[in-house]
Amino acid sequence: MKITSISIRNHSRISDCTLDVRNNLILVGANGSGKSSILRCIDLALGKTTQQLYYSIDNSDFEDEEQPFVVEVRLEELSEDELSFFPDDYDALDNSLTVRMEATLDKDDLTIRHTFQKAPARTI
């Protein structure tokens, strides 16, 4: 499998960013420019269960606490073994899947939705 797109919205260090990934992703920038934040957001979407996310996300992750903090990662070229984890969620036509992590705050109550959805059709 490979990551083909990463979208981050309302993160404390990255307010709104979409990265299209071709064959490789190389993050270069000055200290404090958000390289580690991008990697952390990918880990939040792909590397944690919903339960683990409740221990990993807090108020300091939000740029604006009244808006949702969202990370979407589009995966393509999943192997048959990888697809078996998402039997109803992947798009069989283009062998893709979008993983979405959305965190919202209501006062200090954190709500997290971790979903897997068919990737939207690409516009050409």
Protein backbone atom coordinates (compact mmCIF):
# COMPACT_ATOMS: atom_id res chain seq x y z
CA MET A 1 0.00 0.00 0.00
CA LYS A 2 1.08 3.57 -0.48
CA ILE A 3 -0.08 6.95 0.76
CA THR A 4 -1.19 9.17 -2.12
CA SER A 5 -2.73 12.11 -0.26
CA ILE A 6 -2.63 13.66 3.22
CA SER A 7 -5.02 16.39 4.38
CA ILE A 8 -4.77 18.13 7.75
CA ARG A 9 -7.20 20.76 9.03
CA ASN A 10 -7.24 22.76 12.25
CA HIS A 11 -4.10 21.29 13.82
CA SER A 12 -2.31 23.65 16.21
CA ARG A 13 0.81 23.73 13.99
CA ILE A 14 -0.83 23.14 10.59
CA SER A 15 -4.05 25.04 10.02
CA ASP A 16 -4.93 23.70 6.56
CA CYS A 17 -2.68 21.55 4.39
CA THR A 18 -3.14 19.00 1.62
CA LEU A 19 -0.17 17.08 0.29
CA ASP A 20 -0.36 14.96 -2.85
CA VAL A 21 2.21 12.19 -2.64
CA ARG A 22 3.62 10.62 -5.75
CA ASN A 23 6.29 7.96 -5.31
CA ASN A 24 8.11 9.48 -2.34
CA LEU A 25 7.50 12.10 0.31
CA ILE A 26 10.44 14.12 1.55
CA LEU A 27 9.75 16.70 4.25
CA VAL A 28 12.29 19.52 4.35
CA GLY A 29 12.02 22.71 6.35
CA ALA A 30 13.36 24.82 9.16
CA ASN A 31 12.97 23.80 12.79
CA GLY A 32 9.41 24.42 13.91
CA SER A 33 7.97 24.42 10.38
CA GLY A 34 5.69 21.39 10.95
CA LYS A 35 7.59 18.37 9.59
CA SER A 36 7.15 16.33 12.77
CA SER A 37 3.55 17.52 13.07
CA ILE A 38 2.76 16.07 9.64
CA LEU A 39 4.29 12.73 10.66
CA ARG A 40 2.38 12.78 13.96
CA CYS A 41 -0.89 13.44 12.12
CA ILE A 42 -0.24 10.49 9.79
CA ASP A 43 0.39 8.35 12.88
CA LEU A 44 -2.85 9.57 14.47
CA ALA A 45 -4.84 8.54 11.40
CA LEU A 46 -3.09 5.25 10.61
CA GLY A 47 -1.21 4.10 13.68
CA LYS A 48 -3.68 4.37 16.53
CA THR A 49 -6.94 2.72 17.50
CA THR A 50 -9.81 5.02 18.43
CA GLN A 51 -9.23 4.21 22.10
CA GLN A 52 -5.54 5.13 21.81
CA LEU A 53 -6.50 8.41 20.14
CA TYR A 54 -8.29 9.53 23.32
CA TYR A 55 -4.94 9.31 25.12
CA SER A 56 -3.01 10.95 22.27
CA ILE A 57 -5.10 14.05 21.47
CA ASP A 58 -5.83 16.99 23.75
CA ASN A 59 -6.81 20.67 23.56
CA SER A 60 -3.29 21.69 22.53
CA ASP A 61 -3.71 19.84 19.21
CA PHE A 62 -6.46 22.22 18.05
CA GLU A 63 -5.78 25.54 16.36
CA ASP A 64 -9.42 26.55 16.99
CA GLU A 65 -11.19 24.50 19.68
CA GLU A 66 -14.58 25.31 18.14
CA GLN A 67 -13.68 23.58 14.86
CA PRO A 68 -12.89 19.90 14.26
CA PHE A 69 -9.30 18.73 13.93
CA VAL A 70 -9.27 16.45 10.87
CA VAL A 71 -6.66 14.21 9.26
CA GLU A 72 -7.43 12.29 6.08
CA VAL A 73 -5.00 9.86 4.47
CA ARG A 74 -5.74 8.29 1.10
CA LEU A 75 -4.23 4.84 0.54
CA GLU A 76 -3.88 3.14 -2.83
CA GLU A 77 -2.45 -0.10 -4.20
CA LEU A 78 -3.49 -2.14 -1.18
CA SER A 79 -2.54 -5.82 -1.31
CA GLU A 80 -5.20 -8.51 -0.95
CA ASP A 81 -4.08 -9.09 2.65
CA GLU A 82 -4.38 -5.37 3.44
CA LEU A 83 -7.78 -5.18 1.75
CA SER A 84 -9.06 -8.02 3.93
CA PHE A 85 -9.05 -5.62 6.91
CA PHE A 86 -11.50 -3.31 5.10
CA PRO A 87 -13.89 -5.62 3.20
CA ASP A 88 -16.71 -3.07 2.94
CA ASP A 89 -14.73 0.14 2.88
CA TYR A 90 -12.30 0.11 -0.01
CA ASP A 91 -13.11 1.12 -3.57
CA ALA A 92 -12.64 -1.98 -5.71
CA LEU A 93 -12.56 0.08 -8.91
CA ASP A 94 -9.38 1.93 -8.05
CA ASN A 95 -8.17 -0.17 -5.10
CA SER A 96 -8.20 2.78 -2.71
CA LEU A 97 -9.30 3.73 0.78
CA THR A 98 -9.45 6.99 2.73
CA VAL A 99 -8.80 6.87 6.47
CA ARG A 100 -10.32 9.82 8.34
CA MET A 101 -9.67 10.86 11.93
CA GLU A 102 -11.88 13.69 13.22
CA ALA A 103 -11.62 15.08 16.73
CA THR A 104 -14.02 17.65 18.18
CA LEU A 105 -14.18 19.45 21.49
CA ASP A 106 -17.36 20.43 23.30
CA LYS A 107 -16.13 22.44 26.26
CA ASP A 108 -13.46 19.99 27.45
CA ASP A 109 -15.20 16.82 26.21
CA LEU A 110 -13.27 15.19 23.38
CA THR A 111 -15.11 13.18 20.72
CA ILE A 112 -13.20 11.20 18.11
CA ARG A 113 -14.46 9.56 14.94
CA HIS A 114 -12.11 7.20 13.14
CA THR A 115 -13.62 6.11 9.83
CA PHE A 116 -12.61 4.25 6.71
CA GLN A 117 -14.30 5.25 3.50
CA LYS A 118 -14.14 4.76 -0.20
CA ALA A 119 -12.01 7.47 -1.69
CA PRO A 120 -13.92 10.14 -3.61
CA ALA A 121 -13.54 10.13 -7.36
CA ARG A 122 -10.61 12.20 -8.53
CA THR A 123 -11.25 15.13 -10.81
CA ILE A 124 -9.14 15.41 -13.92
